């Protein structure tokens, strides 16, 4: 079962601010004061948000397994 959902639209205001739809904030668990990192691609013309704790978790997983990744890359040469 997939966990993707379109929550609606958001309009960019004159100050560049975007309001995240309430349903998305509720389901994803975004609270006032949460830090969100903005990621995107100039060429792909997309933008996304990731919660600070999610980004921290991803970085921890990558750094915990760095030696495994190095070994994989080394064996592919």
N, C-alpha and C. Protein backbone atom coordinates (compact mmCIF):
# COMPACT_ATOMS: atom_id res chain seq x y z
N UNK A 1 0.84 -1.17 0.00
CA UNK A 1 0.00 0.00 0.00
C UNK A 1 0.89 1.24 0.00
N UNK A 2 0.58 2.21 -0.81
CA UNK A 2 1.40 3.41 -0.87
C UNK A 2 0.97 4.42 0.19
N UNK A 3 1.89 5.32 0.52
CA UNK A 3 1.59 6.32 1.54
C UNK A 3 1.65 7.73 0.98
N UNK A 4 1.49 7.88 -0.31
CA UNK A 4 1.53 9.19 -0.96
C UNK A 4 0.12 9.77 -1.02
N UNK A 5 0.04 11.08 -0.88
CA UNK A 5 -1.26 11.72 -0.93
C UNK A 5 -1.09 13.16 -1.39
N UNK A 6 -1.98 13.63 -2.21
CA UNK A 6 -2.03 15.02 -2.60
C UNK A 6 -2.94 15.74 -1.62
N UNK A 7 -2.40 16.68 -0.87
CA UNK A 7 -3.15 17.36 0.18
C UNK A 7 -3.85 18.62 -0.29
N UNK A 8 -3.66 19.01 -1.50
CA UNK A 8 -4.28 20.22 -2.00
C UNK A 8 -3.23 21.15 -2.57
N UNK A 9 -3.57 22.42 -2.63
CA UNK A 9 -2.65 23.39 -3.20
C UNK A 9 -2.27 24.42 -2.14
N UNK A 10 -1.19 25.12 -2.42
CA UNK A 10 -0.75 26.23 -1.58
C UNK A 10 -0.33 27.35 -2.52
N UNK A 11 -0.60 28.55 -2.12
CA UNK A 11 -0.24 29.72 -2.92
C UNK A 11 0.92 30.44 -2.26
N UNK A 12 1.90 30.83 -3.07
CA UNK A 12 3.04 31.58 -2.56
C UNK A 12 2.61 33.04 -2.43
N UNK A 13 2.76 33.59 -1.23
CA UNK A 13 2.40 34.98 -0.99
C UNK A 13 3.49 35.93 -1.45
N UNK A 14 3.24 37.22 -1.32
CA UNK A 14 4.20 38.24 -1.78
C UNK A 14 5.51 38.20 -1.02
N UNK A 15 5.52 37.66 0.19
CA UNK A 15 6.75 37.52 0.98
C UNK A 15 7.40 36.15 0.79
N UNK A 16 6.89 35.35 -0.15
CA UNK A 16 7.45 34.03 -0.41
C UNK A 16 6.96 32.97 0.56
N UNK A 17 5.98 33.29 1.37
CA UNK A 17 5.48 32.34 2.35
C UNK A 17 4.43 31.43 1.74
N UNK A 18 4.43 30.18 2.22
CA UNK A 18 3.47 29.18 1.76
C UNK A 18 2.80 28.59 2.99
N UNK A 19 1.49 28.44 2.93
CA UNK A 19 0.76 27.79 4.01
C UNK A 19 0.58 26.32 3.65
N UNK A 20 1.04 25.44 4.53
CA UNK A 20 0.89 24.00 4.32
C UNK A 20 -0.53 23.64 4.74
N UNK A 21 -1.27 22.94 3.89
CA UNK A 21 -2.65 22.60 4.24
C UNK A 21 -2.76 21.91 5.60
N UNK A 22 -3.81 22.25 6.34
CA UNK A 22 -4.01 21.74 7.71
C UNK A 22 -3.98 20.22 7.77
N UNK A 23 -4.63 19.56 6.81
CA UNK A 23 -4.66 18.09 6.83
C UNK A 23 -3.26 17.52 6.73
N UNK A 24 -2.43 18.11 5.88
CA UNK A 24 -1.05 17.65 5.74
C UNK A 24 -0.28 17.86 7.04
N UNK A 25 -0.43 19.04 7.64
CA UNK A 25 0.27 19.31 8.90
C UNK A 25 -0.14 18.32 9.98
N UNK A 26 -1.44 18.02 10.03
CA UNK A 26 -1.95 17.11 11.05
C UNK A 26 -1.43 15.69 10.85
N UNK A 27 -1.56 15.17 9.65
CA UNK A 27 -1.16 13.79 9.36
C UNK A 27 0.35 13.60 9.46
N UNK A 28 1.11 14.58 8.96
CA UNK A 28 2.57 14.47 8.97
C UNK A 28 3.15 14.83 10.33
N UNK A 29 2.37 15.56 11.12
CA UNK A 29 2.83 15.91 12.46
C UNK A 29 3.66 17.18 12.50
N UNK A 30 3.36 18.12 11.64
CA UNK A 30 4.07 19.40 11.63
C UNK A 30 3.40 20.34 12.63
N UNK A 31 4.20 20.83 13.56
CA UNK A 31 3.70 21.71 14.62
C UNK A 31 4.30 23.10 14.47
N UNK A 32 3.62 24.12 14.99
CA UNK A 32 4.21 25.47 14.97
C UNK A 32 5.60 25.44 15.62
N UNK A 33 6.55 26.08 14.99
CA UNK A 33 7.92 26.13 15.50
C UNK A 33 8.82 25.04 14.96
N UNK A 34 8.25 24.01 14.30
CA UNK A 34 9.08 22.96 13.70
C UNK A 34 9.97 23.56 12.61
N UNK A 35 11.18 23.03 12.50
CA UNK A 35 12.09 23.46 11.44
C UNK A 35 11.92 22.52 10.25
N UNK A 36 11.68 23.10 9.09
CA UNK A 36 11.56 22.34 7.85
C UNK A 36 12.68 22.79 6.92
N UNK A 37 13.37 21.84 6.32
CA UNK A 37 14.40 22.15 5.35
C UNK A 37 13.77 22.12 3.96
N UNK A 38 14.12 23.10 3.16
CA UNK A 38 13.59 23.22 1.81
C UNK A 38 14.62 22.61 0.86
N UNK A 39 14.17 21.64 0.06
CA UNK A 39 15.04 20.98 -0.91
C UNK A 39 14.39 21.10 -2.29
N UNK A 40 15.21 21.01 -3.31
CA UNK A 40 14.64 21.11 -4.64
C UNK A 40 15.69 21.03 -5.72
N UNK A 41 15.26 21.25 -6.93
CA UNK A 41 16.11 21.17 -8.10
C UNK A 41 15.77 22.29 -9.06
N UNK A 42 16.78 23.04 -9.48
CA UNK A 42 16.55 24.10 -10.47
C UNK A 42 16.10 23.49 -11.79
N UNK A 43 16.79 22.44 -12.21
CA UNK A 43 16.49 21.84 -13.52
C UNK A 43 15.18 21.08 -13.52
N UNK A 44 14.89 20.40 -12.44
CA UNK A 44 13.65 19.64 -12.36
C UNK A 44 12.47 20.49 -11.96
N UNK A 45 12.77 21.70 -11.51
CA UNK A 45 11.74 22.66 -11.09
C UNK A 45 10.76 22.08 -10.09
N UNK A 46 11.32 21.49 -9.03
CA UNK A 46 10.48 20.97 -7.96
C UNK A 46 11.03 21.47 -6.63
N UNK A 47 10.20 21.48 -5.64
CA UNK A 47 10.60 21.88 -4.30
C UNK A 47 9.89 20.96 -3.30
N UNK A 48 10.55 20.66 -2.22
CA UNK A 48 9.95 19.83 -1.19
C UNK A 48 10.41 20.27 0.18
N UNK A 49 9.76 19.79 1.19
CA UNK A 49 10.09 20.11 2.57
C UNK A 49 10.38 18.82 3.33
N UNK A 50 11.35 18.87 4.23
CA UNK A 50 11.63 17.72 5.08
C UNK A 50 11.82 18.23 6.50
N UNK A 51 11.19 17.53 7.44
CA UNK A 51 11.31 17.92 8.84
C UNK A 51 12.74 17.69 9.32
N UNK A 52 13.19 18.56 10.21
CA UNK A 52 14.56 18.49 10.70
C UNK A 52 14.88 17.11 11.29
N UNK A 53 13.97 16.55 12.05
CA UNK A 53 14.22 15.24 12.67
C UNK A 53 14.34 14.14 11.61
N UNK A 54 13.56 14.22 10.54
CA UNK A 54 13.66 13.24 9.45
C UNK A 54 15.02 13.35 8.78
N UNK A 55 15.45 14.58 8.51
CA UNK A 55 16.75 14.79 7.87
C UNK A 55 17.87 14.28 8.78
N UNK A 56 17.76 14.57 10.06
CA UNK A 56 18.76 14.09 11.03
C UNK A 56 18.83 12.56 11.02
N UNK A 57 17.68 11.91 10.97
CA UNK A 57 17.63 10.45 10.94
C UNK A 57 18.29 9.89 9.69
N UNK A 58 18.02 10.51 8.55
CA UNK A 58 18.63 10.06 7.29
C UNK A 58 20.15 10.20 7.36
N UNK A 59 20.62 11.33 7.86
CA UNK A 59 22.07 11.55 7.97
C UNK A 59 22.70 10.54 8.91
N UNK A 60 22.04 10.26 10.04
CA UNK A 60 22.57 9.27 10.98
C UNK A 60 22.67 7.89 10.33
N UNK A 61 21.63 7.49 9.59
CA UNK A 61 21.65 6.19 8.93
C UNK A 61 22.78 6.12 7.90
N UNK A 62 22.95 7.19 7.13
CA UNK A 62 24.02 7.21 6.13
C UNK A 62 25.38 7.15 6.80
N UNK A 63 25.57 7.95 7.84
CA UNK A 63 26.88 7.98 8.49
C UNK A 63 27.16 6.69 9.25
N UNK A 64 26.14 6.05 9.80
CA UNK A 64 26.34 4.77 10.49
C UNK A 64 26.81 3.68 9.53
N UNK A 65 26.42 3.80 8.27
CA UNK A 65 26.73 2.77 7.28
C UNK A 65 27.77 3.21 6.26
N UNK A 66 28.52 4.26 6.55
CA UNK A 66 29.46 4.81 5.58
C UNK A 66 30.49 3.78 5.11
N UNK A 67 30.97 2.95 6.01
CA UNK A 67 31.97 1.95 5.62
C UNK A 67 31.38 0.93 4.64
N UNK A 68 30.13 0.56 4.85
CA UNK A 68 29.46 -0.36 3.94
C UNK A 68 29.36 0.27 2.55
N UNK A 69 28.96 1.55 2.51
CA UNK A 69 28.85 2.24 1.22
C UNK A 69 30.20 2.34 0.52
N UNK A 70 31.25 2.62 1.30
CA UNK A 70 32.60 2.70 0.72
C UNK A 70 33.00 1.36 0.12
N UNK A 71 32.72 0.26 0.83
CA UNK A 71 33.06 -1.07 0.34
C UNK A 71 32.32 -1.38 -0.95
N UNK A 72 31.04 -1.03 -1.01
CA UNK A 72 30.23 -1.29 -2.21
C UNK A 72 30.82 -0.50 -3.38
N UNK A 73 31.10 0.76 -3.16
CA UNK A 73 31.67 1.58 -4.24
C UNK A 73 33.03 1.06 -4.68
N UNK A 74 33.84 0.62 -3.73
CA UNK A 74 35.16 0.11 -4.05
C UNK A 74 35.10 -1.18 -4.88
N UNK A 75 34.16 -2.06 -4.57
CA UNK A 75 34.04 -3.32 -5.30
C UNK A 75 33.46 -3.13 -6.70
N UNK A 76 32.80 -2.00 -6.96
CA UNK A 76 32.21 -1.76 -8.27
C UNK A 76 33.22 -1.17 -9.26
N UNK A 77 34.39 -0.80 -8.80
CA UNK A 77 35.40 -0.22 -9.70
C UNK A 77 36.07 -1.26 -10.53
